[in-house]
PDB file of N, CA and C in Angstrom:
ATOM      1  N   MET A   1       0.844  -1.152   0.058  1.00  0.00           N
ATOM      2  CA  MET A   1       0.013  -0.033   0.001  1.00  0.00           C
ATOM      3  C   MET A   1       0.870   1.319   0.054  1.00  0.00           C
ATOM      4  N   LEU A   2       0.583   2.212  -0.827  1.00  0.00           N
ATOM      5  CA  LEU A   2       1.157   3.517  -0.872  1.00  0.00           C
ATOM      6  C   LEU A   2       0.986   4.211   0.413  1.00  0.00           C
ATOM      7  N   SER A   3       1.982   5.084   0.855  1.00  0.00           N
ATOM      8  CA  SER A   3       1.859   5.811   2.014  1.00  0.00           C
ATOM      9  C   SER A   3       1.170   7.241   1.625  1.00  0.00           C
ATOM     10  N   VAL A   4       0.676   7.884   2.570  1.00  0.00           N
ATOM     11  CA  VAL A   4      -0.027   9.217   2.306  1.00  0.00           C
ATOM     12  C   VAL A   4       0.935  10.134   1.765  1.00  0.00           C
ATOM     13  N   ASP A   5       2.241  10.201   2.065  1.00  0.00           N
ATOM     14  CA  ASP A   5       3.252  11.083   1.472  1.00  0.00           C
ATOM     15  C   ASP A   5       3.470  10.631   0.078  1.00  0.00           C
ATOM     16  N   GLU A   6       3.611   9.350  -0.305  1.00  0.00           N
ATOM     17  CA  GLU A   6       3.675   8.925  -1.679  1.00  0.00           C
ATOM     18  C   GLU A   6       2.455   9.363  -2.586  1.00  0.00           C
ATOM     19  N   MET A   7       1.313   9.133  -2.030  1.00  0.00           N
ATOM     20  CA  MET A   7       0.206   9.481  -2.819  1.00  0.00           C
ATOM     21  C   MET A   7       0.041  11.012  -3.038  1.00  0.00           C
ATOM     22  N   ARG A   8       0.309  11.822  -1.992  1.00  0.00           N
ATOM     23  CA  ARG A   8       0.309  13.231  -1.966  1.00  0.00           C
ATOM     24  C   ARG A   8       1.322  13.730  -3.068  1.00  0.00           C
ATOM     25  N   ALA A   9       2.523  13.141  -3.132  1.00  0.00           N
ATOM     26  CA  ALA A   9       3.598  13.464  -4.046  1.00  0.00           C
ATOM     27  C   ALA A   9       3.170  13.253  -5.493  1.00  0.00           C
ATOM     28  N   LEU A  10       2.398  12.196  -5.776  1.00  0.00           N
ATOM     29  CA  LEU A  10       2.033  11.792  -7.077  1.00  0.00           C
ATOM     30  C   LEU A  10       0.718  12.560  -7.485  1.00  0.00           C
ATOM     31  N   ALA A  11      -0.052  13.233  -6.682  1.00  0.00           N
ATOM     32  CA  ALA A  11      -1.339  13.773  -6.884  1.00  0.00           C
ATOM     33  C   ALA A  11      -1.214  15.209  -7.332  1.00  0.00           C
ATOM     34  N   SER A  12      -0.134  15.576  -7.996  1.00  0.00           N
ATOM     35  CA  SER A  12      -0.113  16.990  -8.441  1.00  0.00           C
ATOM     36  C   SER A  12       0.647  17.135  -9.624  1.00  0.00           C
ATOM     37  N   GLU A  13       0.115  17.882 -10.742  1.00  0.00           N
ATOM     38  CA  GLU A  13       0.718  18.048 -11.971  1.00  0.00           C
ATOM     39  C   GLU A  13       2.139  18.728 -11.860  1.00  0.00           C
ATOM     40  N   PRO A  14       2.288  19.793 -10.984  1.00  0.00           N
ATOM     41  CA  PRO A  14       3.698  20.422 -10.989  1.00  0.00           C
ATOM     42  C   PRO A  14       4.622  19.497 -10.279  1.00  0.00           C
ATOM     43  N   ARG A  15       4.261  18.612  -9.405  1.00  0.00           N
ATOM     44  CA  ARG A  15       5.225  17.647  -8.897  1.00  0.00           C
ATOM     45  C   ARG A  15       5.641  16.600  -9.877  1.00  0.00           C
ATOM     46  N   LEU A  16       4.607  16.079 -10.590  1.00  0.00           N
ATOM     47  CA  LEU A  16       4.930  15.196 -11.720  1.00  0.00           C
ATOM     48  C   LEU A  16       5.848  15.797 -12.755  1.00  0.00           C
ATOM     49  N   LEU A  17       5.696  17.150 -13.056  1.00  0.00           N
ATOM     50  CA  LEU A  17       6.463  17.717 -14.019  1.00  0.00           C
ATOM     51  C   LEU A  17       7.847  17.929 -13.394  1.00  0.00           C
ATOM     52  N   ILE A  18       8.048  18.240 -12.160  1.00  0.00           N
ATOM     53  CA  ILE A  18       9.391  18.237 -11.572  1.00  0.00           C
ATOM     54  C   ILE A  18      10.131  16.975 -11.686  1.00  0.00           C
ATOM     55  N   LEU A  19       9.419  15.900 -11.364  1.00  0.00           N
ATOM     56  CA  LEU A  19      10.103  14.576 -11.560  1.00  0.00           C
ATOM     57  C   LEU A  19      10.410  14.413 -12.968  1.00  0.00           C
ATOM     58  N   GLU A  20       9.710  14.745 -13.899  1.00  0.00           N
ATOM     59  CA  GLU A  20       9.915  14.440 -15.352  1.00  0.00           C
ATOM     60  C   GLU A  20      11.114  15.291 -15.672  1.00  0.00           C
ATOM     61  N   TRP A  21      11.159  16.503 -15.331  1.00  0.00           N
ATOM     62  CA  TRP A  21      12.351  17.558 -15.679  1.00  0.00           C
ATOM     63  C   TRP A  21      13.677  16.943 -15.022  1.00  0.00           C
ATOM     64  N   LEU A  22      13.511  16.469 -13.790  1.00  0.00           N
ATOM     65  CA  LEU A  22      14.687  16.112 -13.062  1.00  0.00           C
ATOM     66  C   LEU A  22      15.340  14.771 -13.719  1.00  0.00           C
ATOM     67  N   ALA A  23      14.454  14.047 -14.410  1.00  0.00           N
ATOM     68  CA  ALA A  23      15.044  12.842 -15.174  1.00  0.00           C
ATOM     69  C   ALA A  23      16.079  13.277 -16.223  1.00  0.00           C
ATOM     70  N   ASP A  24      15.883  14.397 -16.694  1.00  0.00           N
ATOM     71  CA  ASP A  24      16.803  14.984 -17.761  1.00  0.00           C
ATOM     72  C   ASP A  24      17.189  16.469 -17.490  1.00  0.00           C
ATOM     73  N   PRO A  25      17.925  16.611 -16.390  1.00  0.00           N
ATOM     74  CA  PRO A  25      18.264  17.969 -16.026  1.00  0.00           C
ATOM     75  C   PRO A  25      18.872  18.920 -17.122  1.00  0.00           C
ATOM     76  N   VAL A  26      19.925  18.292 -17.712  1.00  0.00           N
ATOM     77  CA  VAL A  26      20.562  19.059 -18.803  1.00  0.00           C
ATOM     78  C   VAL A  26      19.687  19.375 -20.045  1.00  0.00           C
ATOM     79  N   GLY A  27      18.707  18.539 -20.261  1.00  0.00           N
ATOM     80  CA  GLY A  27      17.768  18.864 -21.261  1.00  0.00           C
ATOM     81  C   GLY A  27      16.629  19.933 -20.953  1.00  0.00           C
ATOM     82  N   HIS A  28      16.468  20.091 -19.683  1.00  0.00           N
ATOM     83  CA  HIS A  28      15.402  21.006 -19.147  1.00  0.00           C
ATOM     84  C   HIS A  28      15.818  22.250 -18.523  1.00  0.00           C
ATOM     85  N   PHE A  29      17.080  22.250 -18.074  1.00  0.00           N
ATOM     86  CA  PHE A  29      17.605  23.457 -17.313  1.00  0.00           C
ATOM     87  C   PHE A  29      18.862  24.161 -17.832  1.00  0.00           C
ATOM     88  N   PRO A  30      18.970  25.347 -17.700  1.00  0.00           N
ATOM     89  CA  PRO A  30      20.219  26.088 -18.161  1.00  0.00           C
ATOM     90  C   PRO A  30      21.415  25.600 -17.212  1.00  0.00           C
ATOM     91  N   PRO A  31      22.634  25.875 -17.788  1.00  0.00           N
ATOM     92  CA  PRO A  31      23.815  25.704 -16.770  1.00  0.00           C
ATOM     93  C   PRO A  31      23.711  26.498 -15.524  1.00  0.00           C
ATOM     94  N   GLN A  32      24.286  26.081 -14.471  1.00  0.00           N
ATOM     95  CA  GLN A  32      24.279  26.722 -13.155  1.00  0.00           C
ATOM     96  C   GLN A  32      25.629  27.213 -12.793  1.00  0.00           C
ATOM     97  N   THR A  33      25.627  28.401 -12.127  1.00  0.00           N
ATOM     98  CA  THR A  33      26.971  28.813 -11.550  1.00  0.00           C
ATOM     99  C   THR A  33      27.537  27.875 -10.605  1.00  0.00           C
ATOM    100  N   ASP A  34      26.772  27.578  -9.569  1.00  0.00           N
ATOM    101  CA  ASP A  34      26.974  26.667  -8.465  1.00  0.00           C
ATOM    102  C   ASP A  34      26.406  25.285  -8.620  1.00  0.00           C
ATOM    103  N   GLY A  35      27.169  24.230  -8.503  1.00  0.00           N
ATOM    104  CA  GLY A  35      26.566  22.868  -8.535  1.00  0.00           C
ATOM    105  C   GLY A  35      26.365  22.339 -10.000  1.00  0.00           C
ATOM    106  N   ASP A  36      26.694  21.135 -10.095  1.00  0.00           N
ATOM    107  CA  ASP A  36      26.524  20.427 -11.446  1.00  0.00           C
ATOM    108  C   ASP A  36      25.075  19.936 -11.570  1.00  0.00           C
ATOM    109  N   LEU A  37      24.403  20.177 -12.769  1.00  0.00           N
ATOM    110  CA  LEU A  37      23.113  19.737 -12.970  1.00  0.00           C
ATOM    111  C   LEU A  37      22.871  18.169 -12.574  1.00  0.00           C
ATOM    112  N   VAL A  38      23.724  17.487 -12.934  1.00  0.00           N
ATOM    113  CA  VAL A  38      23.520  15.981 -12.895  1.00  0.00           C
ATOM    114  C   VAL A  38      23.982  15.503 -11.472  1.00  0.00           C
ATOM    115  N   ALA A  39      25.367  15.890 -11.108  1.00  0.00           N
ATOM    116  CA  ALA A  39      25.889  15.405  -9.931  1.00  0.00           C
ATOM    117  C   ALA A  39      25.264  15.881  -8.702  1.00  0.00           C
ATOM    118  N   ASP A  40      24.963  17.285  -8.658  1.00  0.00           N
ATOM    119  CA  ASP A  40      24.317  17.976  -7.574  1.00  0.00           C
ATOM    120  C   ASP A  40      22.944  18.165  -7.550  1.00  0.00           C
ATOM    121  N   GLY A  41      22.338  18.334  -8.648  1.00  0.00           N
ATOM    122  CA  GLY A  41      20.912  18.460  -8.860  1.00  0.00           C
ATOM    123  C   GLY A  41      20.619  19.869  -9.385  1.00  0.00           C
ATOM    124  N   VAL A  42      19.472  20.257  -9.532  1.00  0.00           N
ATOM    125  CA  VAL A  42      18.953  21.500 -10.014  1.00  0.00           C
ATOM    126  C   VAL A  42      18.596  22.469  -8.893  1.00  0.00           C
ATOM    127  N   CYS A  43      19.073  23.685  -9.109  1.00  0.00           N
ATOM    128  CA  CYS A  43      18.707  24.657  -8.023  1.00  0.00           C
ATOM    129  C   CYS A  43      17.222  24.949  -7.905  1.00  0.00           C
ATOM    130  N   SER A  44      16.691  25.069  -6.685  1.00  0.00           N
ATOM    131  CA  SER A  44      15.300  25.312  -6.640  1.00  0.00           C
ATOM    132  C   SER A  44      14.756  26.553  -7.368  1.00  0.00           C
ATOM    133  N   ILE A  45      15.712  27.556  -7.527  1.00  0.00           N
ATOM    134  CA  ILE A  45      15.211  28.741  -8.277  1.00  0.00           C
ATOM    135  C   ILE A  45      14.900  28.451  -9.628  1.00  0.00           C
ATOM    136  N   PHE A  46      15.646  27.569 -10.265  1.00  0.00           N
ATOM    137  CA  PHE A  46      15.451  27.271 -11.639  1.00  0.00           C
ATOM    138  C   PHE A  46      14.225  26.315 -11.887  1.00  0.00           C
ATOM    139  N   ILE A  47      13.899  25.601 -10.796  1.00  0.00           N
ATOM    140  CA  ILE A  47      12.715  24.757 -10.885  1.00  0.00           C
ATOM    141  C   ILE A  47      11.485  25.672 -10.724  1.00  0.00           C
ATOM    142  N   ALA A  48      11.501  26.699  -9.823  1.00  0.00           N
ATOM    143  CA  ALA A  48      10.464  27.715  -9.686  1.00  0.00           C
ATOM    144  C   ALA A  48      10.167  28.434 -10.874  1.00  0.00           C
ATOM    145  N   ARG A  49      11.176  28.953 -11.537  1.00  0.00           N
ATOM    146  CA  ARG A  49      11.124  29.661 -12.708  1.00  0.00           C
ATOM    147  C   ARG A  49      10.405  28.777 -13.807  1.00  0.00           C
ATOM    148  N   LYS A  50      10.816  27.563 -13.993  1.00  0.00           N
ATOM    149  CA  LYS A  50      10.234  26.725 -15.017  1.00  0.00           C
ATOM    150  C   LYS A  50       8.721  26.440 -14.735  1.00  0.00           C
ATOM    151  N   LEU A  51       8.418  26.289 -13.431  1.00  0.00           N
ATOM    152  CA  LEU A  51       7.086  26.061 -13.053  1.00  0.00           C
ATOM    153  C   LEU A  51       6.294  27.314 -13.315  1.00  0.00           C
ATOM    154  N   GLY A  52       6.865  28.475 -13.388  1.00  0.00           N
ATOM    155  CA  GLY A  52       6.165  29.829 -13.354  1.00  0.00           C
ATOM    156  C   GLY A  52       5.428  30.183 -12.038  1.00  0.00           C
ATOM    157  N   MET A  53       6.117  29.860 -10.883  1.00  0.00           N
ATOM    158  CA  MET A  53       5.582  30.053  -9.601  1.00  0.00           C
ATOM    159  C   MET A  53       6.754  30.669  -8.684  1.00  0.00           C
ATOM    160  N   THR A  54       6.260  31.153  -7.524  1.00  0.00           N
ATOM    161  CA  THR A  54       7.286  31.710  -6.588  1.00  0.00           C
ATOM    162  C   THR A  54       8.074  30.627  -6.051  1.00  0.00           C
ATOM    163  N   GLN A  55       9.372  31.080  -5.547  1.00  0.00           N
ATOM    164  CA  GLN A  55      10.100  29.990  -4.932  1.00  0.00           C
ATOM    165  C   GLN A  55       9.446  29.338  -3.759  1.00  0.00           C
ATOM    166  N   PRO A  56       8.691  30.199  -2.898  1.00  0.00           N
ATOM    167  CA  PRO A  56       8.182  29.417  -1.669  1.00  0.00           C
ATOM    168  C   PRO A  56       7.044  28.316  -2.075  1.00  0.00           C
ATOM    169  N   SER A  57       6.371  28.626  -3.243  1.00  0.00           N
ATOM    170  CA  SER A  57       5.368  27.624  -3.707  1.00  0.00           C
ATOM    171  C   SER A  57       6.105  26.403  -4.350  1.00  0.00           C
ATOM    172  N   ALA A  58       7.195  26.596  -5.055  1.00  0.00           N
ATOM    173  CA  ALA A  58       8.052  25.473  -5.649  1.00  0.00           C
ATOM    174  C   ALA A  58       8.679  24.769  -4.565  1.00  0.00           C
ATOM    175  N   THR A  59       9.255  25.424  -3.510  1.00  0.00           N
ATOM    176  CA  THR A  59       9.702  24.819  -2.474  1.00  0.00           C
ATOM    177  C   THR A  59       8.844  23.851  -1.664  1.00  0.00           C
ATOM    178  N   GLY A  60       7.500  24.370  -1.540  1.00  0.00           N
ATOM    179  CA  GLY A  60       6.530  23.456  -1.098  1.00  0.00           C
ATOM    180  C   GLY A  60       6.292  22.158  -1.685  1.00  0.00           C
ATOM    181  N   HIS A  61       6.305  22.173  -3.052  1.00  0.00           N
ATOM    182  CA  HIS A  61       6.143  21.030  -3.953  1.00  0.00           C
ATOM    183  C   HIS A  61       7.423  20.100  -3.740  1.00  0.00           C
ATOM    184  N   LEU A  62       8.523  20.798  -3.726  1.00  0.00           N
ATOM    185  CA  LEU A  62       9.781  19.998  -3.597  1.00  0.00           C
ATOM    186  C   LEU A  62       9.919  19.312  -2.263  1.00  0.00           C
ATOM    187  N   LYS A  63       9.391  19.928  -1.199  1.00  0.00           N
ATOM    188  CA  LYS A  63       9.381  19.344   0.124  1.00  0.00           C
ATOM    189  C   LYS A  63       8.579  18.166   0.268  1.00  0.00           C
ATOM    190  N   ILE A  64       7.404  18.229  -0.444  1.00  0.00           N
ATOM    191  CA  ILE A  64       6.450  17.063  -0.581  1.00  0.00           C
ATOM    192  C   ILE A  64       7.198  15.902  -1.229  1.00  0.00           C
ATOM    193  N   LEU A  65       7.760  16.119  -2.325  1.00  0.00           N
ATOM    194  CA  LEU A  65       8.584  15.155  -3.054  1.00  0.00           C
ATOM    195  C   LEU A  65       9.684  14.598  -2.129  1.00  0.00           C
ATOM    196  N   GLU A  66      10.288  15.484  -1.456  1.00  0.00           N
ATOM    197  CA  GLU A  66      11.387  15.016  -0.646  1.00  0.00           C
ATOM    198  C   GLU A  66      10.910  14.109   0.517  1.00  0.00           C
ATOM    199  N   ARG A  67       9.793  14.526   1.200  1.00  0.00           N
ATOM    200  CA  ARG A  67       9.220  13.785   2.218  1.00  0.00           C
ATOM    201  C   ARG A  67       8.838  12.364   1.814  1.00  0.00           C
ATOM    202  N   ALA A  68       8.404  12.204   0.531  1.00  0.00           N
ATOM    203  CA  ALA A  68       8.076  10.928  -0.019  1.00  0.00           C
ATOM    204  C   ALA A  68       9.313  10.181  -0.472  1.00  0.00           C
ATOM    205  N   GLY A  69      10.463  10.928  -0.422  1.00  0.00           N
ATOM    206  CA  GLY A  69      11.601  10.104  -0.851  1.00  0.00           C
ATOM    207  C   GLY A  69      11.912  10.089  -2.306  1.00  0.00           C
ATOM    208  N   LEU A  70      11.164  10.887  -3.045  1.00  0.00           N
ATOM    209  CA  LEU A  70      11.458  10.721  -4.462  1.00  0.00           C
ATOM    210  C   LEU A  70      12.470  11.678  -5.018  1.00  0.00           C
ATOM    211  N   VAL A  71      12.882  12.744  -4.185  1.00  0.00           N
ATOM    212  CA  VAL A  71      13.876  13.682  -4.660  1.00  0.00           C
ATOM    213  C   VAL A  71      14.780  13.917  -3.278  1.00  0.00           C
ATOM    214  N   THR A  72      16.103  14.129  -3.535  1.00  0.00           N
ATOM    215  CA  THR A  72      16.898  14.510  -2.476  1.00  0.00           C
ATOM    216  C   THR A  72      17.429  15.941  -2.576  1.00  0.00           C
ATOM    217  N   GLY A  73      17.574  16.678  -1.522  1.00  0.00           N
ATOM    218  CA  GLY A  73      18.052  18.014  -1.681  1.00  0.00           C
ATOM    219  C   GLY A  73      19.475  18.117  -1.002  1.00  0.00           C
ATOM    220  N   THR A  74      20.258  19.020  -1.601  1.00  0.00           N
ATOM    221  CA  THR A  74      21.630  19.178  -1.319  1.00  0.00           C
ATOM    222  C   THR A  74      21.886  20.685  -1.143  1.00  0.00           C
ATOM    223  N   ARG A  75      22.339  21.089  -0.019  1.00  0.00           N
ATOM    224  CA  ARG A  75      22.529  22.559   0.149  1.00  0.00           C
ATOM    225  C   ARG A  75      23.957  23.030  -0.266  1.00  0.00           C
ATOM    226  N   ILE A  76      23.915  23.894  -1.276  1.00  0.00           N
ATOM    227  CA  ILE A  76      25.304  24.437  -1.703  1.00  0.00           C
ATOM    228  C   ILE A  76      25.160  25.937  -1.555  1.00  0.00           C
ATOM    229  N   ARG A  77      25.996  26.521  -0.658  1.00  0.00           N
ATOM    230  CA  ARG A  77      25.824  28.008  -0.258  1.00  0.00           C
ATOM    231  C   ARG A  77      24.454  28.207   0.303  1.00  0.00           C
ATOM    232  N   GLN A  78      23.735  29.114  -0.195  1.00  0.00           N
ATOM    233  CA  GLN A  78      22.534  29.420   0.359  1.00  0.00           C
ATOM    234  C   GLN A  78      21.293  28.767  -0.403  1.00  0.00           C
ATOM    235  N   TRP A  79      21.598  27.918  -1.464  1.00  0.00           N
ATOM    236  CA  TRP A  79      20.615  27.419  -2.163  1.00  0.00           C
ATOM    237  C   TRP A  79      20.541  25.765  -1.969  1.00  0.00           C
ATOM    238  N   VAL A  80      19.301  25.292  -2.327  1.00  0.00           N
ATOM    239  CA  VAL A  80      19.089  23.746  -2.353  1.00  0.00           C
ATOM    240  C   VAL A  80      18.941  23.369  -3.676  1.00  0.00           C
ATOM    241  N   PHE A  81      19.704  22.268  -4.098  1.00  0.00           N
ATOM    242  CA  PHE A  81      19.758  21.695  -5.375  1.00  0.00           C
ATOM    243  C   PHE A  81      19.064  20.175  -5.138  1.00  0.00           C
ATOM    244  N   TYR A  82      18.122  19.958  -6.174  1.00  0.00           N
ATOM    245  CA  TYR A  82      17.391  18.783  -6.081  1.00  0.00           C
ATOM    246  C   TYR A  82      17.717  17.831  -7.230  1.00  0.00           C
ATOM    247  N   LYS A  83      17.663  16.500  -6.819  1.00  0.00           N
ATOM    248  CA  LYS A  83      17.837  15.488  -7.936  1.00  0.00           C
ATOM    249  C   LYS A  83      16.935  14.263  -7.524  1.00  0.00           C
ATOM    250  N   ARG A  84      16.540  13.475  -8.501  1.00  0.00           N
ATOM    251  CA  ARG A  84      15.697  12.385  -8.336  1.00  0.00           C
ATOM    252  C   ARG A  84      16.365  11.243  -7.551  1.00  0.00           C
ATOM    253  N   ASN A  85      15.686  10.504  -6.775  1.00  0.00           N
ATOM    254  CA  ASN A  85      16.169   9.365  -6.031  1.00  0.00           C
ATOM    255  C   ASN A  85      15.585   8.234  -6.821  1.00  0.00           C
ATOM    256  N   GLU A  86      16.494   7.743  -7.721  1.00  0.00           N
ATOM    257  CA  GLU A  86      16.105   6.701  -8.781  1.00  0.00           C
ATOM    258  C   GLU A  86      15.682   5.462  -8.053  1.00  0.00           C
ATOM    259  N   GLN A  87      16.403   5.085  -7.043  1.00  0.00           N
ATOM    260  CA  GLN A  87      15.996   3.842  -6.358  1.00  0.00           C
ATOM    261  C   GLN A  87      14.643   3.847  -5.731  1.00  0.00           C
ATOM    262  N   ARG A  88      14.370   4.970  -5.181  1.00  0.00           N
ATOM    263  CA  ARG A  88      13.075   5.114  -4.409  1.00  0.00           C
ATOM    264  C   ARG A  88      11.961   5.168  -5.503  1.00  0.00           C
ATOM    265  N   ILE A  89      12.228   5.943  -6.572  1.00  0.00           N
ATOM    266  CA  ILE A  89      11.142   5.962  -7.686  1.00  0.00           C
ATOM    267  C   ILE A  89      10.883   4.606  -8.264  1.00  0.00           C
ATOM    268  N   ALA A  90      11.983   3.743  -8.459  1.00  0.00           N
ATOM    269  CA  ALA A  90      11.749   2.453  -8.936  1.00  0.00           C
ATOM    270  C   ALA A  90      10.961   1.558  -8.036  1.00  0.00           C
ATOM    271  N   ALA A  91      11.170   1.707  -6.775  1.00  0.00           N
ATOM    272  CA  ALA A  91      10.575   0.916  -5.749  1.00  0.00           C
ATOM    273  C   ALA A  91       9.090   1.354  -5.702  1.00  0.00           C
ATOM    274  N   LEU A  92       8.722   2.650  -5.879  1.00  0.00           N
ATOM    275  CA  LEU A  92       7.400   3.136  -5.842  1.00  0.00           C
ATOM    276  C   LEU A  92       6.669   2.651  -7.096  1.00  0.00           C
ATOM    277  N   LYS A  93       7.296   2.677  -8.315  1.00  0.00           N
ATOM    278  CA  LYS A  93       6.717   2.141  -9.495  1.00  0.00           C
ATOM    279  C   LYS A  93       6.303   0.765  -9.315  1.00  0.00           C
ATOM    280  N   ALA A  94       7.317  -0.081  -8.715  1.00  0.00           N
ATOM    281  CA  ALA A  94       6.909  -1.481  -8.469  1.00  0.00           C
ATOM    282  C   ALA A  94       5.800  -1.725  -7.611  1.00  0.00           C
ATOM    283  N   ALA A  95       5.818  -0.826  -6.513  1.00  0.00           N
ATOM    284  CA  ALA A  95       4.473  -1.015  -5.633  1.00  0.00           C
ATOM    285  C   ALA A  95       3.283  -0.662  -6.316  1.00  0.00           C
ATOM    286  N   ILE A  96       3.383   0.358  -7.134  1.00  0.00           N
ATOM    287  CA  ILE A  96       2.034   0.788  -7.919  1.00  0.00           C
ATOM    288  C   ILE A  96       1.512  -0.437  -8.821  1.00  0.00           C
ATOM    289  N   VAL A  97       2.527  -1.033  -9.443  1.00  0.00           N
ATOM    290  CA  VAL A  97       2.278  -2.162 -10.348  1.00  0.00           C
ATOM    291  C   VAL A  97       1.558  -3.220  -9.497  1.00  0.00           C
ATOM    292  N   ARG A  98       2.229  -3.595  -8.319  1.00  0.00           N
ATOM    293  CA  ARG A  98       1.729  -4.704  -7.443  1.00  0.00           C
ATOM    294  C   ARG A  98       0.208  -4.396  -7.041  1.00  0.00           C
ATOM    295  N   GLU A  99      -0.113  -3.118  -6.887  1.00  0.00           N
ATOM    296  CA  GLU A  99      -1.470  -2.815  -6.341  1.00  0.00           C
ATOM    297  C   GLU A  99      -2.525  -2.758  -7.431  1.00  0.00           C
ATOM    298  N   LEU A 100      -1.976  -2.696  -8.672  1.00  0.00           N
ATOM    299  CA  LEU A 100      -2.970  -2.769  -9.800  1.00  0.00           C
ATOM    300  C   LEU A 100      -3.618  -4.101 -10.021  1.00  0.00           C
TER     301      LEU A 100
END
């Protein structure tokens, strides 16, 4: 059975878009001054801009994804960079298939 955090993470178009974009960060985001797009993740500011929302709103979505274990955040200087947790995403996909 999926947890409430997992269901909440998947129940939002912006959060699903974030997961899709983070699967190919180089293809979806511009180069960053700090942090490598692939190794460190994408700065939350770039994610907020791509979503067309304020940073606090985007951070709320990212925190829900992080709470479900689908993304991990790494602080570099004053920013947080996010990338997908591929192992957790694979486990979640397997759990969904089992429940079908």
